[in-house]
Structures are given as C-alpha cells and as structure tokens.
Amino acid sequence: MFITLEGPEGSGKSSQIGLLTAYLREQGLAVVQTREPGGTRIGDQIRACLHDVANGEMTAVTEVLLYAASRAQHVEELIRPALAAGNIVLCDRFADSTIAYQG
C-alpha cells in the first residue's frame, strides 16, 4: 500500500505522517516512511539544490525536471522495492504536489 500526505507548507504533514507511522507499526505492520523531494541519497542532493535560495535563476522547466529526477530515483531505489517486500510506504508529498506547485 502506498499512501501520500499532501498539503501546503506548515499544514502538519510531517507531524501526521510520524503519528501514522507509529500507529501502523504498533499494529505490527511493516512501514517505510519517506519524503519528496528526497528519500534517497541522490534525491536528498536534488532536494538541497531545489531548496537552495542561491539558485534563484533556476527556470521552471529545470525545477520540474529536477523534481521528476528525484522521484524517478525514489521510486526505483526505495518505493518499488519496499512495496514489493510487502511494506506500507508513507510518503510526505508525491505527484500531487508537483502538479499543484509546478503544474
């Protein structure tokens, strides 16, 4: 099962995902908690680039492609293997955020 939590900055996604992860684990379920952008070593590097205010000249196309690159790495390296192993994957943001912010 793949569950994403979406919402604007400061809406409580990180708090809620932590509570949900703890609850599901208390129920004896295997849970992988992750976030976007990031979730992998390469994704975290992309996240740092995207959030670096020194990159103010980044174009909208570059930005969306970096989000897509981070997601591709995330899916292949973490999400797909976790789901294949029978884990529940909880993700702080995913494709809906890209549509809302870069769409």
PDB file of N, CA and C in Angstrom:
ATOM      1  N   MET A   1       0.855  -1.170   0.000  1.00  0.00           N
ATOM      2  CA  MET A   1       0.000   0.000   0.000  1.00  0.00           C
ATOM      3  C   MET A   1       0.900   1.232   0.000  1.00  0.00           C
ATOM      4  N   PHE A   2       0.565   2.181  -0.854  1.00  0.00           N
ATOM      5  CA  PHE A   2       1.319   3.424  -0.978  1.00  0.00           C
ATOM      6  C   PHE A   2       0.389   4.572  -0.628  1.00  0.00           C
ATOM      7  N   ILE A   3       0.742   5.322   0.414  1.00  0.00           N
ATOM      8  CA  ILE A   3      -0.093   6.428   0.896  1.00  0.00           C
ATOM      9  C   ILE A   3       0.755   7.692   0.888  1.00  0.00           C
ATOM     10  N   THR A   4       0.196   8.749   0.300  1.00  0.00           N
ATOM     11  CA  THR A   4       0.890  10.036   0.319  1.00  0.00           C
ATOM     12  C   THR A   4       0.098  11.035   1.145  1.00  0.00           C
ATOM     13  N   LEU A   5       0.810  11.906   1.799  1.00  0.00           N
ATOM     14  CA  LEU A   5       0.191  13.014   2.518  1.00  0.00           C
ATOM     15  C   LEU A   5       0.579  14.281   1.783  1.00  0.00           C
ATOM     16  N   GLU A   6      -0.413  15.037   1.366  1.00  0.00           N
ATOM     17  CA  GLU A   6      -0.195  16.246   0.583  1.00  0.00           C
ATOM     18  C   GLU A   6      -0.754  17.443   1.331  1.00  0.00           C
ATOM     19  N   GLY A   7      -0.206  18.600   1.059  1.00  0.00           N
ATOM     20  CA  GLY A   7      -0.710  19.824   1.661  1.00  0.00           C
ATOM     21  C   GLY A   7       0.335  20.910   1.625  1.00  0.00           C
ATOM     22  N   PRO A   8      -0.081  22.137   1.899  1.00  0.00           N
ATOM     23  CA  PRO A   8       0.859  23.263   1.863  1.00  0.00           C
ATOM     24  C   PRO A   8       1.846  23.217   3.028  1.00  0.00           C
ATOM     25  N   GLU A   9       2.889  24.026   2.919  1.00  0.00           N
ATOM     26  CA  GLU A   9       3.873  24.149   3.991  1.00  0.00           C
ATOM     27  C   GLU A   9       3.175  24.486   5.304  1.00  0.00           C
ATOM     28  N   GLY A  10       3.592  23.830   6.369  1.00  0.00           N
ATOM     29  CA  GLY A  10       3.067  24.129   7.695  1.00  0.00           C
ATOM     30  C   GLY A  10       1.699  23.555   7.996  1.00  0.00           C
ATOM     31  N   SER A  11       1.185  22.681   7.116  1.00  0.00           N
ATOM     32  CA  SER A  11      -0.164  22.145   7.336  1.00  0.00           C
ATOM     33  C   SER A  11      -0.184  20.919   8.244  1.00  0.00           C
ATOM     34  N   GLY A  12       0.991  20.420   8.626  1.00  0.00           N
ATOM     35  CA  GLY A  12       1.037  19.298   9.559  1.00  0.00           C
ATOM     36  C   GLY A  12       1.328  17.953   8.935  1.00  0.00           C
ATOM     37  N   LYS A  13       1.767  17.936   7.684  1.00  0.00           N
ATOM     38  CA  LYS A  13       2.060  16.666   7.017  1.00  0.00           C
ATOM     39  C   LYS A  13       3.104  15.855   7.766  1.00  0.00           C
ATOM     40  N   SER A  14       4.193  16.483   8.124  1.00  0.00           N
ATOM     41  CA  SER A  14       5.276  15.769   8.812  1.00  0.00           C
ATOM     42  C   SER A  14       4.823  15.239  10.158  1.00  0.00           C
ATOM     43  N   SER A  15       4.048  16.022  10.877  1.00  0.00           N
ATOM     44  CA  SER A  15       3.523  15.563  12.174  1.00  0.00           C
ATOM     45  C   SER A  15       2.593  14.380  11.989  1.00  0.00           C
ATOM     46  N   GLN A  16       1.695  14.478  11.031  1.00  0.00           N
ATOM     47  CA  GLN A  16       0.718  13.414  10.810  1.00  0.00           C
ATOM     48  C   GLN A  16       1.357  12.129  10.291  1.00  0.00           C
ATOM     49  N   ILE A  17       2.345  12.269   9.416  1.00  0.00           N
ATOM     50  CA  ILE A  17       2.975  11.069   8.880  1.00  0.00           C
ATOM     51  C   ILE A  17       3.744  10.335   9.980  1.00  0.00           C
ATOM     52  N   GLY A  18       4.343  11.092  10.899  1.00  0.00           N
ATOM     53  CA  GLY A  18       5.026  10.468  12.032  1.00  0.00           C
ATOM     54  C   GLY A  18       4.060   9.721  12.937  1.00  0.00           C
ATOM     55  N   LEU A  19       2.914  10.335  13.199  1.00  0.00           N
ATOM     56  CA  LEU A  19       1.898   9.686  14.034  1.00  0.00           C
ATOM     57  C   LEU A  19       1.333   8.447  13.358  1.00  0.00           C
ATOM     58  N   LEU A  20       1.062   8.537  12.046  1.00  0.00           N
ATOM     59  CA  LEU A  20       0.526   7.398  11.313  1.00  0.00           C
ATOM     60  C   LEU A  20       1.538   6.256  11.248  1.00  0.00           C
ATOM     61  N   THR A  21       2.799   6.592  11.030  1.00  0.00           N
ATOM     62  CA  THR A  21       3.846   5.566  11.013  1.00  0.00           C
ATOM     63  C   THR A  21       3.893   4.838  12.351  1.00  0.00           C
ATOM     64  N   ALA A  22       3.897   5.592  13.439  1.00  0.00           N
ATOM     65  CA  ALA A  22       3.948   4.978  14.767  1.00  0.00           C
ATOM     66  C   ALA A  22       2.731   4.093  15.013  1.00  0.00           C
ATOM     67  N   TYR A  23       1.564   4.571  14.643  1.00  0.00           N
ATOM     68  CA  TYR A  23       0.333   3.804  14.851  1.00  0.00           C
ATOM     69  C   TYR A  23       0.366   2.483  14.078  1.00  0.00           C
ATOM     70  N   LEU A  24       0.722   2.558  12.802  1.00  0.00           N
ATOM     71  CA  LEU A  24       0.752   1.341  11.978  1.00  0.00           C
ATOM     72  C   LEU A  24       1.780   0.347  12.484  1.00  0.00           C
ATOM     73  N   ARG A  25       2.912   0.849  12.934  1.00  0.00           N
ATOM     74  CA  ARG A  25       3.935  -0.048  13.489  1.00  0.00           C
ATOM     75  C   ARG A  25       3.455  -0.694  14.787  1.00  0.00           C
ATOM     76  N   GLU A  26       2.719   0.066  15.591  1.00  0.00           N
ATOM     77  CA  GLU A  26       2.138  -0.501  16.818  1.00  0.00           C
ATOM     78  C   GLU A  26       1.162  -1.623  16.489  1.00  0.00           C
ATOM     79  N   GLN A  27       0.555  -1.576  15.314  1.00  0.00           N
ATOM     80  CA  GLN A  27      -0.369  -2.614  14.873  1.00  0.00           C
ATOM     81  C   GLN A  27       0.375  -3.821  14.291  1.00  0.00           C
ATOM     82  N   GLY A  28       1.694  -3.747  14.296  1.00  0.00           N
ATOM     83  CA  GLY A  28       2.512  -4.841  13.798  1.00  0.00           C
ATOM     84  C   GLY A  28       2.773  -4.819  12.311  1.00  0.00           C
ATOM     85  N   LEU A  29       2.514  -3.693  11.671  1.00  0.00           N
ATOM     86  CA  LEU A  29       2.699  -3.589  10.227  1.00  0.00           C
ATOM     87  C   LEU A  29       4.085  -3.043   9.892  1.00  0.00           C
ATOM     88  N   ALA A  30       4.626  -3.502   8.779  1.00  0.00           N
ATOM     89  CA  ALA A  30       5.919  -3.019   8.292  1.00  0.00           C
ATOM     90  C   ALA A  30       5.684  -1.736   7.507  1.00  0.00           C
ATOM     91  N   VAL A  31       6.324  -0.660   7.939  1.00  0.00           N
ATOM     92  CA  VAL A  31       6.096   0.655   7.343  1.00  0.00           C
ATOM     93  C   VAL A  31       7.427   1.294   6.978  1.00  0.00           C
ATOM     94  N   VAL A  32       7.464   1.868   5.785  1.00  0.00           N
ATOM     95  CA  VAL A  32       8.592   2.685   5.353  1.00  0.00           C
ATOM     96  C   VAL A  32       8.075   4.105   5.228  1.00  0.00           C
ATOM     97  N   GLN A  33       8.698   5.027   5.952  1.00  0.00           N
ATOM     98  CA  GLN A  33       8.316   6.441   5.895  1.00  0.00           C
ATOM     99  C   GLN A  33       9.359   7.187   5.078  1.00  0.00           C
ATOM    100  N   THR A  34       8.902   8.023   4.141  1.00  0.00           N
ATOM    101  CA  THR A  34       9.820   8.752   3.286  1.00  0.00           C
ATOM    102  C   THR A  34       9.243  10.115   2.927  1.00  0.00           C
ATOM    103  N   ARG A  35       9.971  10.867   2.095  1.00  0.00           N
ATOM    104  CA  ARG A  35       9.505  12.207   1.722  1.00  0.00           C
ATOM    105  C   ARG A  35       9.993  12.553   0.328  1.00  0.00           C
ATOM    106  N   GLU A  36       9.347  13.542  -0.249  1.00  0.00           N
ATOM    107  CA  GLU A  36       9.776  14.085  -1.529  1.00  0.00           C
ATOM    108  C   GLU A  36       9.843  15.594  -1.459  1.00  0.00           C
ATOM    109  N   PRO A  37      10.753  16.201  -2.194  1.00  0.00           N
ATOM    110  CA  PRO A  37      11.844  15.509  -2.857  1.00  0.00           C
ATOM    111  C   PRO A  37      12.806  14.948  -1.826  1.00  0.00           C
ATOM    112  N   GLY A  38      13.502  13.940  -2.192  1.00  0.00           N
ATOM    113  CA  GLY A  38      14.450  13.293  -1.292  1.00  0.00           C
ATOM    114  C   GLY A  38      14.151  11.818  -1.174  1.00  0.00           C
ATOM    115  N   GLY A  39      14.411  11.274  -0.011  1.00  0.00           N
ATOM    116  CA  GLY A  39      14.132   9.869   0.239  1.00  0.00           C
ATOM    117  C   GLY A  39      15.269   8.928  -0.106  1.00  0.00           C
ATOM    118  N   THR A  40      16.216   9.415  -0.905  1.00  0.00           N
ATOM    119  CA  THR A  40      17.407   8.639  -1.262  1.00  0.00           C
ATOM    120  C   THR A  40      18.597   9.589  -1.194  1.00  0.00           C
ATOM    121  N   ARG A  41      19.796   9.044  -1.272  1.00  0.00           N
ATOM    122  CA  ARG A  41      20.993   9.897  -1.226  1.00  0.00           C
ATOM    123  C   ARG A  41      20.971  10.899  -2.382  1.00  0.00           C
ATOM    124  N   ILE A  42      20.693  10.412  -3.582  1.00  0.00           N
ATOM    125  CA  ILE A  42      20.653  11.302  -4.746  1.00  0.00           C
ATOM    126  C   ILE A  42      19.472  12.267  -4.636  1.00  0.00           C
ATOM    127  N   GLY A  43      18.326  11.765  -4.211  1.00  0.00           N
ATOM    128  CA  GLY A  43      17.157  12.626  -4.029  1.00  0.00           C
ATOM    129  C   GLY A  43      17.390  13.732  -3.017  1.00  0.00           C
ATOM    130  N   ASP A  44      18.130  13.422  -1.958  1.00  0.00           N
ATOM    131  CA  ASP A  44      18.440  14.450  -0.951  1.00  0.00           C
ATOM    132  C   ASP A  44      19.370  15.522  -1.521  1.00  0.00           C
ATOM    133  N   GLN A  45      20.270  15.119  -2.411  1.00  0.00           N
ATOM    134  CA  GLN A  45      21.133  16.110  -3.074  1.00  0.00           C
ATOM    135  C   GLN A  45      20.307  17.010  -3.992  1.00  0.00           C
ATOM    136  N   ILE A  46      19.365  16.415  -4.701  1.00  0.00           N
ATOM    137  CA  ILE A  46      18.474  17.200  -5.562  1.00  0.00           C
ATOM    138  C   ILE A  46      17.632  18.139  -4.711  1.00  0.00           C
ATOM    139  N   ARG A  47      17.129  17.644  -3.575  1.00  0.00           N
ATOM    140  CA  ARG A  47      16.343  18.467  -2.650  1.00  0.00           C
ATOM    141  C   ARG A  47      17.133  19.695  -2.210  1.00  0.00           C
ATOM    142  N   ALA A  48      18.406  19.473  -1.855  1.00  0.00           N
ATOM    143  CA  ALA A  48      19.257  20.585  -1.424  1.00  0.00           C
ATOM    144  C   ALA A  48      19.401  21.617  -2.534  1.00  0.00           C
ATOM    145  N   CYS A  49      19.562  21.161  -3.757  1.00  0.00           N
ATOM    146  CA  CYS A  49      19.665  22.070  -4.896  1.00  0.00           C
ATOM    147  C   CYS A  49      18.371  22.854  -5.095  1.00  0.00           C
ATOM    148  N   LEU A  50      17.237  22.158  -5.023  1.00  0.00           N
ATOM    149  CA  LEU A  50      15.941  22.808  -5.218  1.00  0.00           C
ATOM    150  C   LEU A  50      15.643  23.843  -4.138  1.00  0.00           C
ATOM    151  N   HIS A  51      16.052  23.580  -2.914  1.00  0.00           N
ATOM    152  CA  HIS A  51      15.737  24.465  -1.796  1.00  0.00           C
ATOM    153  C   HIS A  51      16.808  25.523  -1.533  1.00  0.00           C
ATOM    154  N   ASP A  52      17.879  25.508  -2.295  1.00  0.00           N
ATOM    155  CA  ASP A  52      18.967  26.468  -2.104  1.00  0.00           C
ATOM    156  C   ASP A  52      18.557  27.817  -2.698  1.00  0.00           C
ATOM    157  N   VAL A  53      18.418  28.819  -1.852  1.00  0.00           N
ATOM    158  CA  VAL A  53      17.984  30.142  -2.314  1.00  0.00           C
ATOM    159  C   VAL A  53      18.997  30.783  -3.259  1.00  0.00           C
ATOM    160  N   ALA A  54      20.220  30.269  -3.264  1.00  0.00           N
ATOM    161  CA  ALA A  54      21.230  30.791  -4.188  1.00  0.00           C
ATOM    162  C   ALA A  54      20.919  30.398  -5.634  1.00  0.00           C
ATOM    163  N   ASN A  55      19.979  29.476  -5.818  1.00  0.00           N
ATOM    164  CA  ASN A  55      19.613  29.031  -7.163  1.00  0.00           C
ATOM    165  C   ASN A  55      18.378  29.760  -7.681  1.00  0.00           C
ATOM    166  N   GLY A  56      18.283  31.029  -7.385  1.00  0.00           N
ATOM    167  CA  GLY A  56      17.118  31.823  -7.777  1.00  0.00           C
ATOM    168  C   GLY A  56      16.896  31.937  -9.276  1.00  0.00           C
ATOM    169  N   GLU A  57      17.942  31.720 -10.064  1.00  0.00           N
ATOM    170  CA  GLU A  57      17.792  31.819 -11.514  1.00  0.00           C
ATOM    171  C   GLU A  57      17.302  30.516 -12.145  1.00  0.00           C
ATOM    172  N   MET A  58      17.025  29.501 -11.322  1.00  0.00           N
ATOM    173  CA  MET A  58      16.546  28.216 -11.849  1.00  0.00           C
ATOM    174  C   MET A  58      15.234  28.428 -12.602  1.00  0.00           C
ATOM    175  N   THR A  59      15.161  27.900 -13.808  1.00  0.00           N
ATOM    176  CA  THR A  59      13.943  28.043 -14.603  1.00  0.00           C
ATOM    177  C   THR A  59      12.883  27.051 -14.129  1.00  0.00           C
ATOM    178  N   ALA A  60      11.653  27.317 -14.483  1.00  0.00           N
ATOM    179  CA  ALA A  60      10.543  26.433 -14.108  1.00  0.00           C
ATOM    180  C   ALA A  60      10.715  25.044 -14.714  1.00  0.00           C
ATOM    181  N   VAL A  61      11.227  24.976 -15.929  1.00  0.00           N
ATOM    182  CA  VAL A  61      11.439  23.678 -16.580  1.00  0.00           C
ATOM    183  C   VAL A  61      12.525  22.895 -15.835  1.00  0.00           C
ATOM    184  N   THR A  62      13.603  23.559 -15.490  1.00  0.00           N
ATOM    185  CA  THR A  62      14.675  22.904 -14.728  1.00  0.00           C
ATOM    186  C   THR A  62      14.132  22.385 -13.411  1.00  0.00           C
ATOM    187  N   GLU A  63      13.345  23.193 -12.739  1.00  0.00           N
ATOM    188  CA  GLU A  63      12.778  22.807 -11.451  1.00  0.00           C
ATOM    189  C   GLU A  63      11.921  21.548 -11.570  1.00  0.00           C
ATOM    190  N   VAL A  64      11.014  21.512 -12.528  1.00  0.00           N
ATOM    191  CA  VAL A  64      10.134  20.353 -12.663  1.00  0.00           C
ATOM    192  C   VAL A  64      10.919  19.117 -13.068  1.00  0.00           C
ATOM    193  N   LEU A  65      11.953  19.286 -13.883  1.00  0.00           N
ATOM    194  CA  LEU A  65      12.777  18.139 -14.266  1.00  0.00           C
ATOM    195  C   LEU A  65      13.580  17.607 -13.080  1.00  0.00           C
ATOM    196  N   LEU A  66      14.040  18.478 -12.212  1.00  0.00           N
ATOM    197  CA  LEU A  66      14.735  18.025 -11.005  1.00  0.00           C
ATOM    198  C   LEU A  66      13.788  17.263 -10.081  1.00  0.00           C
ATOM    199  N   TYR A  67      12.567  17.749  -9.923  1.00  0.00           N
ATOM    200  CA  TYR A  67      11.577  17.002  -9.136  1.00  0.00           C
ATOM    201  C   TYR A  67      11.324  15.625  -9.749  1.00  0.00           C
ATOM    202  N   ALA A  68      11.216  15.578 -11.074  1.00  0.00           N
ATOM    203  CA  ALA A  68      10.980  14.301 -11.752  1.00  0.00           C
ATOM    204  C   ALA A  68      12.170  13.363 -11.585  1.00  0.00           C
ATOM    205  N   ALA A  69      13.382  13.898 -11.647  1.00  0.00           N
ATOM    206  CA  ALA A  69      14.579  13.073 -11.463  1.00  0.00           C
ATOM    207  C   ALA A  69      14.632  12.511 -10.049  1.00  0.00           C
ATOM    208  N   SER A  70      14.331  13.340  -9.078  1.00  0.00           N
ATOM    209  CA  SER A  70      14.310  12.879  -7.689  1.00  0.00           C
ATOM    210  C   SER A  70      13.272  11.778  -7.513  1.00  0.00           C
ATOM    211  N   ARG A  71      12.099  11.971  -8.106  1.00  0.00           N
ATOM    212  CA  ARG A  71      11.025  10.974  -7.983  1.00  0.00           C
ATOM    213  C   ARG A  71      11.410   9.665  -8.663  1.00  0.00           C
ATOM    214  N   ALA A  72      12.016   9.739  -9.832  1.00  0.00           N
ATOM    215  CA  ALA A  72      12.420   8.519 -10.532  1.00  0.00           C
ATOM    216  C   ALA A  72      13.395   7.704  -9.685  1.00  0.00           C
ATOM    217  N   GLN A  73      14.359   8.375  -9.087  1.00  0.00           N
ATOM    218  CA  GLN A  73      15.323   7.696  -8.216  1.00  0.00           C
ATOM    219  C   GLN A  73      14.618   7.101  -7.000  1.00  0.00           C
ATOM    220  N   HIS A  74      13.726   7.868  -6.436  1.00  0.00           N
ATOM    221  CA  HIS A  74      12.974   7.475  -5.240  1.00  0.00           C
ATOM    222  C   HIS A  74      12.142   6.216  -5.496  1.00  0.00           C
ATOM    223  N   VAL A  75      11.434   6.212  -6.615  1.00  0.00           N
ATOM    224  CA  VAL A  75      10.575   5.070  -6.948  1.00  0.00           C
ATOM    225  C   VAL A  75      11.418   3.818  -7.175  1.00  0.00           C
ATOM    226  N   GLU A  76      12.479   3.944  -7.958  1.00  0.00           N
ATOM    227  CA  GLU A  76      13.284   2.770  -8.292  1.00  0.00           C
ATOM    228  C   GLU A  76      14.091   2.247  -7.108  1.00  0.00           C
ATOM    229  N   GLU A  77      14.642   3.158  -6.316  1.00  0.00           N
ATOM    230  CA  GLU A  77      15.543   2.748  -5.237  1.00  0.00           C
ATOM    231  C   GLU A  77      14.829   2.390  -3.941  1.00  0.00           C
ATOM    232  N   LEU A  78      13.719   3.057  -3.638  1.00  0.00           N
ATOM    233  CA  LEU A  78      13.097   2.878  -2.329  1.00  0.00           C
ATOM    234  C   LEU A  78      11.651   2.405  -2.406  1.00  0.00           C
ATOM    235  N   ILE A  79      10.803   3.130  -3.119  1.00  0.00           N
ATOM    236  CA  ILE A  79       9.367   2.863  -3.063  1.00  0.00           C
ATOM    237  C   ILE A  79       9.009   1.506  -3.663  1.00  0.00           C
ATOM    238  N   ARG A  80       9.413   1.252  -4.900  1.00  0.00           N
ATOM    239  CA  ARG A  80       9.059  -0.018  -5.546  1.00  0.00           C
ATOM    240  C   ARG A  80       9.599  -1.225  -4.773  1.00  0.00           C
ATOM    241  N   PRO A  81      10.876  -1.229  -4.344  1.00  0.00           N
ATOM    242  CA  PRO A  81      11.363  -2.375  -3.568  1.00  0.00           C
ATOM    243  C   PRO A  81      10.625  -2.558  -2.239  1.00  0.00           C
ATOM    244  N   ALA A  82      10.295  -1.459  -1.574  1.00  0.00           N
ATOM    245  CA  ALA A  82       9.572  -1.557  -0.300  1.00  0.00           C
ATOM    246  C   ALA A  82       8.186  -2.162  -0.508  1.00  0.00           C
ATOM    247  N   LEU A  83       7.498  -1.726  -1.548  1.00  0.00           N
ATOM    248  CA  LEU A  83       6.173  -2.283  -1.841  1.00  0.00           C
ATOM    249  C   LEU A  83       6.279  -3.760  -2.225  1.00  0.00           C
ATOM    250  N   ALA A  84       7.288  -4.103  -3.015  1.00  0.00           N
ATOM    251  CA  ALA A  84       7.477  -5.494  -3.423  1.00  0.00           C
ATOM    252  C   ALA A  84       7.754  -6.399  -2.217  1.00  0.00           C
ATOM    253  N   ALA A  85       8.354  -5.836  -1.177  1.00  0.00           N
ATOM    254  CA  ALA A  85       8.647  -6.590   0.043  1.00  0.00           C
ATOM    255  C   ALA A  85       7.440  -6.667   0.973  1.00  0.00           C
ATOM    256  N   GLY A  86       6.326  -6.037   0.581  1.00  0.00           N
ATOM    257  CA  GLY A  86       5.112  -6.100   1.386  1.00  0.00           C
ATOM    258  C   GLY A  86       4.969  -5.008   2.417  1.00  0.00           C
ATOM    259  N   ASN A  87       5.815  -3.992   2.349  1.00  0.00           N
ATOM    260  CA  ASN A  87       5.733  -2.874   3.284  1.00  0.00           C
ATOM    261  C   ASN A  87       4.647  -1.882   2.881  1.00  0.00           C
ATOM    262  N   ILE A  88       4.149  -1.168   3.848  1.00  0.00           N
ATOM    263  CA  ILE A  88       3.328   0.008   3.592  1.00  0.00           C
ATOM    264  C   ILE A  88       4.303   1.166   3.438  1.00  0.00           C
ATOM    265  N   VAL A  89       4.141   1.969   2.398  1.00  0.00           N
ATOM    266  CA  VAL A  89       5.014   3.116   2.184  1.00  0.00           C
ATOM    267  C   VAL A  89       4.204   4.382   2.406  1.00  0.00           C
ATOM    268  N   LEU A  90       4.661   5.206   3.331  1.00  0.00           N
ATOM    269  CA  LEU A  90       4.044   6.503   3.616  1.00  0.00           C
ATOM    270  C   LEU A  90       4.991   7.581   3.110  1.00  0.00           C
ATOM    271  N   CYS A  91       4.486   8.460   2.255  1.00  0.00           N
ATOM    272  CA  CYS A  91       5.335   9.470   1.645  1.00  0.00           C
ATOM    273  C   CYS A  91       4.797  10.870   1.909  1.00  0.00           C
ATOM    274  N   ASP A  92       5.660  11.706   2.459  1.00  0.00           N
ATOM    275  CA  ASP A  92       5.360  13.117   2.681  1.00  0.00           C
ATOM    276  C   ASP A  92       5.559  13.813   1.338  1.00  0.00           C
ATOM    277  N   ARG A  93       4.466  14.006   0.618  1.00  0.00           N
ATOM    278  CA  ARG A  93       4.367  14.592  -0.715  1.00  0.00           C
ATOM    279  C   ARG A  93       4.733  13.586  -1.796  1.00  0.00           C
ATOM    280  N   PHE A  94       4.100  13.782  -2.966  1.00  0.00           N
ATOM    281  CA  PHE A  94       4.407  12.983  -4.156  1.00  0.00           C
ATOM    282  C   PHE A  94       3.906  13.763  -5.368  1.00  0.00           C
ATOM    283  N   ALA A  95       3.324  13.105  -6.319  1.00  0.00           N
ATOM    284  CA  ALA A  95       2.974  13.722  -7.604  1.00  0.00           C
ATOM    285  C   ALA A  95       1.964  14.849  -7.478  1.00  0.00           C
ATOM    286  N   ASP A  96       1.044  14.764  -6.545  1.00  0.00           N
ATOM    287  CA  ASP A  96       0.044  15.848  -6.406  1.00  0.00           C
ATOM    288  C   ASP A  96       0.704  17.180  -6.102  1.00  0.00           C
ATOM    289  N   SER A  97       1.769  17.160  -5.314  1.00  0.00           N
ATOM    290  CA  SER A  97       2.471  18.407  -5.011  1.00  0.00           C
ATOM    291  C   SER A  97       3.125  18.989  -6.258  1.00  0.00           C
ATOM    292  N   THR A  98       3.676  18.131  -7.098  1.00  0.00           N
ATOM    293  CA  THR A  98       4.286  18.611  -8.336  1.00  0.00           C
ATOM    294  C   THR A  98       3.231  19.270  -9.220  1.00  0.00           C
ATOM    295  N   ILE A  99       2.075  18.659  -9.313  1.00  0.00           N
ATOM    296  CA  ILE A  99       1.004  19.241 -10.120  1.00  0.00           C
ATOM    297  C   ILE A  99       0.571  20.582  -9.538  1.00  0.00           C
ATOM    298  N   ALA A 100       0.435  20.644  -8.215  1.00  0.00           N
ATOM    299  CA  ALA A 100      -0.018  21.885  -7.572  1.00  0.00           C
ATOM    300  C   ALA A 100       1.010  23.006  -7.677  1.00  0.00           C
ATOM    301  N   TYR A 101       2.284  22.679  -7.483  1.00  0.00           N
ATOM    302  CA  TYR A 101       3.298  23.734  -7.424  1.00  0.00           C
ATOM    303  C   TYR A 101       3.964  24.023  -8.765  1.00  0.00           C
ATOM    304  N   GLN A 102       4.179  23.006  -9.585  1.00  0.00           N
ATOM    305  CA  GLN A 102       4.848  23.217 -10.860  1.00  0.00           C
ATOM    306  C   GLN A 102       3.903  23.118 -12.050  1.00  0.00           C
ATOM    307  N   GLY A 103       2.666  22.717 -11.813  1.00  0.00           N
ATOM    308  CA  GLY A 103       1.720  22.471 -12.903  1.00  0.00           C
ATOM    309  C   GLY A 103       1.194  23.627 -13.537  1.00  0.00           C
TER     310      GLY A 103
END
